[in-house]
């Protein structure tokens, strides 16, 4: 990976112009009130930030065969993204604001910053002190997108040793929230009775049961 530090106002202006072109194209992808709301968002701080940093990935570095990239060739790109995240966390720890300008054409960025053809721009970052930090993401506050439900994003594989035992245990020990005695059906994760707990509640119960089993399993010496 590599880092191109941008401080010159004329270079920043070229980056800002490239952003504006991509920003205008993006606005046309929305309609009506959605388009107007999109146009109202402040999605970059290219000119305001004292420092811009373009994080890049040289895909030819270290030769054609690299440990860690033989099965997943894109690992160099992912590692560069990890570097961006580390930089973001470090900036926040130093009370610095950092913004990733993702609405920009990479080819335009390469031309402006004279980046070689084989090098891939991963992120253009705006870094500097800010007046304040938001408690919640701005797009969430604006109602553009709701916060994701973490319970719907985490999935667990169930090994055969757990599945065979846990189904019996769950059927015996997890009555529904309505207080009936009927067990949940493990095939569709629902109780037979009316007004039974919803899918999320059941997943939560299964997660607790799974956690207990893991705790018991790993608390014993191998």
Protein backbone atom coordinates (compact mmCIF):
# COMPACT_ATOMS: atom_id res chain seq x y z
CA UNK A 1 0.00 0.00 0.00
CA UNK A 2 1.00 3.61 -0.30
CA UNK A 3 -0.17 7.01 0.89
CA UNK A 4 -0.39 10.18 -1.20
CA UNK A 5 -0.56 13.26 1.05
CA UNK A 6 -2.46 16.20 -0.44
CA UNK A 7 -2.04 19.69 1.01
CA UNK A 8 -2.00 21.96 -2.05
CA UNK A 9 -5.21 23.93 -2.62
CA UNK A 10 -5.11 23.56 -6.40
CA UNK A 11 -4.82 19.77 -6.16
CA UNK A 12 -7.64 19.66 -3.62
CA UNK A 13 -9.78 21.70 -6.00
CA UNK A 14 -9.21 19.17 -8.77
CA UNK A 15 -10.25 16.38 -6.39
CA UNK A 16 -13.30 18.43 -5.38
CA UNK A 17 -14.24 18.91 -9.05
CA UNK A 18 -13.97 15.14 -9.63
CA UNK A 19 -16.18 14.55 -6.61
CA UNK A 20 -18.76 17.03 -7.88
CA UNK A 21 -19.04 15.24 -11.22
CA UNK A 22 -19.60 11.88 -9.53
CA UNK A 23 -21.93 13.52 -7.01
CA UNK A 24 -24.10 14.97 -9.79
CA UNK A 25 -24.27 11.58 -11.51
CA UNK A 26 -25.26 9.94 -8.23
CA UNK A 27 -28.04 12.47 -7.64
CA UNK A 28 -29.64 11.47 -10.94
CA UNK A 29 -30.01 7.91 -9.62
CA UNK A 30 -32.60 9.09 -7.09
CA UNK A 31 -36.02 10.58 -7.75
CA UNK A 32 -38.27 13.24 -6.23
CA UNK A 33 -37.83 14.04 -2.56
CA UNK A 34 -35.14 11.40 -2.27
CA UNK A 35 -33.03 13.25 -4.83
CA UNK A 36 -33.47 16.58 -3.07
CA UNK A 37 -32.54 15.05 0.26
CA UNK A 38 -29.43 13.48 -1.26
CA UNK A 39 -28.35 16.84 -2.66
CA UNK A 40 -28.70 18.41 0.80
CA UNK A 41 -26.15 16.10 2.42
CA UNK A 42 -22.59 17.24 3.11
CA UNK A 43 -20.67 14.24 1.81
CA UNK A 44 -17.11 15.56 1.68
CA UNK A 45 -14.72 18.03 3.26
CA UNK A 46 -12.06 18.12 0.56
CA UNK A 47 -11.33 21.84 0.64
CA UNK A 48 -12.01 22.33 4.35
CA UNK A 49 -9.69 19.57 5.57
CA UNK A 50 -6.07 20.71 5.99
CA UNK A 51 -4.83 17.32 4.79
CA UNK A 52 -6.11 14.85 2.25
CA UNK A 53 -4.66 11.35 2.04
CA UNK A 54 -5.17 8.97 -0.84
CA UNK A 55 -4.55 5.41 0.30
CA UNK A 56 -3.45 3.14 -2.54
CA UNK A 57 -2.65 -0.50 -3.20
CA UNK A 58 0.25 -1.55 -5.43
CA UNK A 59 -0.95 -4.91 -6.71
CA UNK A 60 2.43 -5.79 -8.24
CA UNK A 61 4.42 -5.28 -5.07
CA UNK A 62 6.29 -8.36 -3.80
CA UNK A 63 5.96 -10.26 -7.08
CA UNK A 64 3.37 -12.54 -8.67
CA UNK A 65 3.14 -15.03 -5.77
CA UNK A 66 2.56 -13.64 -2.28
CA UNK A 67 1.85 -15.58 0.90
CA UNK A 68 -1.75 -14.98 1.92
CA UNK A 69 -2.90 -14.13 -1.62
CA UNK A 70 -2.59 -17.50 -3.33
CA UNK A 71 -6.17 -18.56 -2.58
CA UNK A 72 -7.70 -15.08 -2.29
CA UNK A 73 -5.84 -12.71 -4.65
CA UNK A 74 -7.85 -9.72 -3.39
CA UNK A 75 -6.31 -9.93 0.08
CA UNK A 76 -3.98 -7.01 -0.71
CA UNK A 77 -7.05 -4.84 -1.34
CA UNK A 78 -8.69 -6.01 1.88
CA UNK A 79 -5.49 -5.41 3.85
CA UNK A 80 -5.35 -1.87 2.52
CA UNK A 81 -8.92 -1.30 3.66
CA UNK A 82 -7.86 -2.55 7.10
CA UNK A 83 -5.12 0.09 7.07
CA UNK A 84 -7.78 2.72 6.39
CA UNK A 85 -9.80 1.48 9.36
CA UNK A 86 -6.71 1.58 11.59
CA UNK A 87 -5.98 5.12 10.47
CA UNK A 88 -9.59 6.07 11.15
CA UNK A 89 -9.46 4.70 14.69
CA UNK A 90 -6.10 6.36 15.36
CA UNK A 91 -7.44 9.71 14.12
CA UNK A 92 -10.49 9.44 16.35
CA UNK A 93 -8.28 8.61 19.35
CA UNK A 94 -6.38 11.85 18.63
CA UNK A 95 -9.66 13.81 18.43
CA UNK A 96 -9.31 14.24 14.68
CA UNK A 97 -12.14 13.91 12.22
CA UNK A 98 -11.73 11.62 9.22
CA UNK A 99 -14.04 11.26 6.25
CA UNK A 100 -13.83 8.78 3.37
CA UNK A 101 -14.76 10.37 0.03
CA UNK A 102 -16.20 7.39 -1.83
CA UNK A 103 -18.21 9.34 -4.40
CA UNK A 104 -15.40 9.87 -6.89
CA UNK A 105 -14.12 8.21 -10.03
CA UNK A 106 -10.91 6.30 -9.41
CA UNK A 107 -9.56 6.99 -12.89
CA UNK A 108 -9.97 10.73 -12.35
CA UNK A 109 -8.21 10.42 -9.00
CA UNK A 110 -5.32 8.54 -10.60
CA UNK A 111 -4.90 11.26 -13.22
CA UNK A 112 -5.01 14.10 -10.70
CA UNK A 113 -2.50 12.49 -8.34
CA UNK A 114 -0.32 10.93 -11.05
CA UNK A 115 -0.85 7.44 -9.66
CA UNK A 116 0.73 4.69 -11.81
CA UNK A 117 -1.59 2.54 -13.87
CA UNK A 118 -1.07 -0.66 -11.86
CA UNK A 119 -1.72 1.06 -8.51
CA UNK A 120 -5.31 1.08 -7.26
CA UNK A 121 -6.73 4.05 -5.30
CA UNK A 122 -8.60 2.59 -2.33
CA UNK A 123 -9.68 5.66 -0.38
CA UNK A 124 -9.44 9.43 -0.46
CA UNK A 125 -9.54 10.62 3.13
CA UNK A 126 -10.16 14.10 4.54
CA UNK A 127 -8.42 14.57 7.89
CA UNK A 128 -8.58 17.48 10.33
CA UNK A 129 -10.04 18.84 13.54
CA UNK A 130 -13.82 19.21 13.54
CA UNK A 131 -16.23 21.36 15.52
CA UNK A 132 -17.96 18.32 17.02
CA UNK A 133 -18.57 14.60 16.63
CA UNK A 134 -22.06 13.26 16.01
CA UNK A 135 -23.55 10.84 18.49
CA UNK A 136 -25.19 8.90 15.66
CA UNK A 137 -24.38 8.55 11.95
CA UNK A 138 -25.68 11.53 10.01
CA UNK A 139 -27.57 9.45 7.45
CA UNK A 140 -29.33 7.65 10.28
CA UNK A 141 -30.27 10.95 11.93
CA UNK A 142 -31.60 12.24 8.61
CA UNK A 143 -33.78 9.16 8.22
CA UNK A 144 -32.03 8.09 5.02
CA UNK A 145 -31.31 4.60 6.31
CA UNK A 146 -32.19 2.96 9.64
CA UNK A 147 -29.55 1.37 11.82
CA UNK A 148 -29.11 -2.31 11.06
CA UNK A 149 -30.40 -4.82 13.60
CA UNK A 150 -27.28 -6.59 14.83
CA UNK A 151 -29.33 -9.66 15.63
CA UNK A 152 -30.12 -10.10 11.94
CA UNK A 153 -26.48 -9.77 10.85
CA UNK A 154 -24.89 -12.43 13.05
CA UNK A 155 -25.30 -16.05 12.02
CA UNK A 156 -24.05 -19.23 13.65
CA UNK A 157 -23.15 -22.53 12.12
CA UNK A 158 -24.50 -25.42 14.15
CA UNK A 159 -22.22 -28.45 14.24
CA UNK A 160 -23.70 -31.93 14.18
CA UNK A 161 -22.68 -32.56 17.78
CA UNK A 162 -24.66 -29.49 18.84
CA UNK A 163 -27.64 -29.90 16.51
CA UNK A 164 -28.57 -33.43 17.55
CA UNK A 165 -28.45 -32.58 21.24
CA UNK A 166 -29.75 -29.02 21.13
CA UNK A 167 -32.96 -29.81 19.25
CA UNK A 168 -34.02 -32.21 21.97
CA UNK A 169 -32.97 -29.80 24.69
CA UNK A 170 -34.65 -26.85 23.01
CA UNK A 171 -37.89 -28.73 22.48
CA UNK A 172 -37.87 -29.73 26.14
CA UNK A 173 -36.69 -26.49 27.72
CA UNK A 174 -37.87 -23.60 25.55
CA UNK A 175 -41.62 -23.06 25.88
CA UNK A 176 -42.93 -20.05 24.02
CA UNK A 177 -43.44 -16.62 25.57
CA UNK A 178 -47.20 -17.21 25.78
CA UNK A 179 -46.60 -19.69 28.57
CA UNK A 180 -47.97 -22.74 26.75
CA UNK A 181 -46.42 -26.16 27.08
CA UNK A 182 -45.97 -26.81 23.38
CA UNK A 183 -42.36 -26.91 22.19
CA UNK A 184 -40.88 -24.90 19.36
CA UNK A 185 -40.54 -26.77 16.08
CA UNK A 186 -36.90 -26.68 15.11
CA UNK A 187 -37.77 -26.99 11.42
CA UNK A 188 -39.27 -23.51 11.15
CA UNK A 189 -38.25 -21.99 14.50
CA UNK A 190 -41.81 -21.31 15.66
CA UNK A 191 -44.18 -22.48 18.32
CA UNK A 192 -47.49 -24.11 17.37
CA UNK A 193 -49.64 -21.93 19.59
CA UNK A 194 -51.28 -18.62 18.60
CA UNK A 195 -49.37 -15.48 19.55
CA UNK A 196 -46.05 -17.30 19.88
CA UNK A 197 -42.77 -15.45 20.18
CA UNK A 198 -41.39 -14.05 16.94
CA UNK A 199 -38.37 -15.36 15.13
CA UNK A 200 -35.93 -12.94 16.75
CA UNK A 201 -37.00 -13.93 20.25
CA UNK A 202 -36.51 -17.57 19.41
CA UNK A 203 -33.12 -16.97 17.87
CA UNK A 204 -32.16 -15.17 21.04
CA UNK A 205 -33.22 -18.17 23.12
CA UNK A 206 -31.30 -20.53 20.87
CA UNK A 207 -28.26 -18.27 21.11
CA UNK A 208 -28.34 -18.40 24.91
CA UNK A 209 -28.65 -22.16 24.82
CA UNK A 210 -25.79 -22.40 22.33
CA UNK A 211 -23.63 -20.08 24.47
CA UNK A 212 -24.25 -22.19 27.54
CA UNK A 213 -23.24 -25.33 25.69
CA UNK A 214 -20.06 -23.68 24.40
CA UNK A 215 -19.21 -22.47 27.90
CA UNK A 216 -19.62 -25.96 29.31
CA UNK A 217 -17.64 -27.48 26.44
CA UNK A 218 -14.65 -25.14 26.67
CA UNK A 219 -14.57 -25.00 30.46
CA UNK A 220 -13.49 -28.63 30.44
CA UNK A 221 -9.85 -29.60 29.76
CA UNK A 222 -9.15 -31.12 26.36
